[in-house]
Amino acid sequence: METTARDFNQNASRILAAAERGERITVTKNGRPVAILSPVAEEQPVPAHPTDPMGDDDDIPVFHSGSTIDWAEGRGVYLEGFGA
């Protein structure tokens, strides 16, 4: 099945229902294909939210600037032009 971006915008629920039935839909814009909608395989359910961990604490990068500047002193100068 092929549909235009405008038609997809106006009939998204109908087109998504077709994908849910197993159809593969190519969305075109100005005659060029820009997206392909395809059904999700049953073996690969899509979780409602990410369920995998972001990594171990050892994997978190730590950045050290080595800066000796006291940013508290003269704060107004640093924030000048930002509405402070």
Protein backbone atom coordinates (compact mmCIF):
# COMPACT_ATOMS: atom_id res chain seq x y z
CA MET A 1 0.00 0.00 0.00
CA GLU A 2 1.16 3.55 -0.70
CA THR A 3 -0.16 6.80 0.73
CA THR A 4 0.79 10.45 0.68
CA ALA A 5 1.92 12.36 3.76
CA ARG A 6 -1.24 14.46 3.56
CA ASP A 7 -3.46 11.37 3.38
CA PHE A 8 -1.57 9.84 6.30
CA ASN A 9 -2.08 13.02 8.31
CA GLN A 10 -5.82 12.98 7.62
CA ASN A 11 -6.36 9.21 7.95
CA ALA A 12 -3.68 8.03 10.36
CA SER A 13 -5.94 5.68 12.34
CA ARG A 14 -7.14 3.91 9.17
CA ILE A 15 -3.60 3.56 7.84
CA LEU A 16 -2.22 2.35 11.18
CA ALA A 17 -5.03 -0.22 11.32
CA ALA A 18 -3.87 -1.51 7.93
CA ALA A 19 -0.32 -1.85 9.28
CA GLU A 20 -1.69 -3.67 12.30
CA ARG A 21 -3.41 -6.13 9.94
CA GLY A 22 -0.02 -6.88 8.40
CA GLU A 23 0.21 -4.46 5.48
CA ARG A 24 3.38 -2.54 4.71
CA ILE A 25 2.70 1.10 3.87
CA THR A 26 5.02 3.48 2.03
CA VAL A 27 4.40 7.16 2.83
CA THR A 28 5.36 9.59 0.08
CA LYS A 29 5.88 13.34 0.04
CA ASN A 30 5.98 15.17 -3.28
CA GLY A 31 6.16 11.78 -5.00
CA ARG A 32 9.24 10.61 -3.05
CA PRO A 33 9.09 7.81 -0.47
CA VAL A 34 9.89 9.24 2.97
CA ALA A 35 8.79 6.50 5.38
CA ILE A 36 7.76 2.88 5.54
CA LEU A 37 5.24 1.67 8.10
CA SER A 38 5.30 -2.03 8.79
CA PRO A 39 3.70 -4.26 11.40
CA VAL A 40 5.63 -5.08 14.56
CA ALA A 41 6.59 -8.75 14.80
CA GLU A 42 4.84 -10.59 17.62
CA GLU A 43 8.20 -11.92 18.92
CA GLN A 44 9.40 -8.37 19.59
CA PRO A 45 6.86 -6.62 21.80
CA VAL A 46 7.38 -2.91 22.23
CA PRO A 47 7.64 -1.97 25.93
CA ALA A 48 5.61 0.98 27.19
CA HIS A 49 8.81 2.52 28.56
CA PRO A 50 12.51 1.62 28.54
CA THR A 51 13.16 -1.36 30.77
CA ASP A 52 16.89 -1.86 30.31
CA PRO A 53 19.39 -0.39 32.76
CA MET A 54 21.43 2.60 31.67
CA GLY A 55 24.62 0.85 32.68
CA ASP A 56 26.71 0.18 35.73
CA ASP A 57 28.02 3.01 37.89
CA ASP A 58 31.48 2.17 36.58
CA ASP A 59 30.35 3.11 33.06
CA ILE A 60 29.32 6.66 33.98
CA PRO A 61 31.87 9.16 32.65
CA VAL A 62 33.32 11.60 35.16
CA PHE A 63 34.69 14.87 33.87
CA HIS A 64 37.27 16.87 35.77
CA SER A 65 37.85 20.40 34.53
CA GLY A 66 40.88 21.16 36.64
CA SER A 67 39.57 24.72 36.87
CA THR A 68 40.68 26.79 39.86
CA ILE A 69 38.27 29.64 39.13
CA ASP A 70 35.99 30.64 42.01
CA TRP A 71 32.77 31.03 40.04
CA ALA A 72 30.91 32.46 43.06
CA GLU A 73 33.10 35.57 43.13
CA GLY A 74 32.12 38.10 40.46
CA ARG A 75 29.06 36.08 39.49
CA GLY A 76 27.33 39.14 38.08
CA VAL A 77 30.07 39.57 35.46
CA TYR A 78 29.67 35.98 34.24
CA LEU A 79 25.90 36.31 33.98
CA GLU A 80 25.89 39.74 32.39
CA GLY A 81 23.67 39.76 29.33
CA PHE A 82 21.57 36.85 30.61
CA GLY A 83 19.11 39.05 32.47
CA ALA A 84 20.90 38.75 35.83
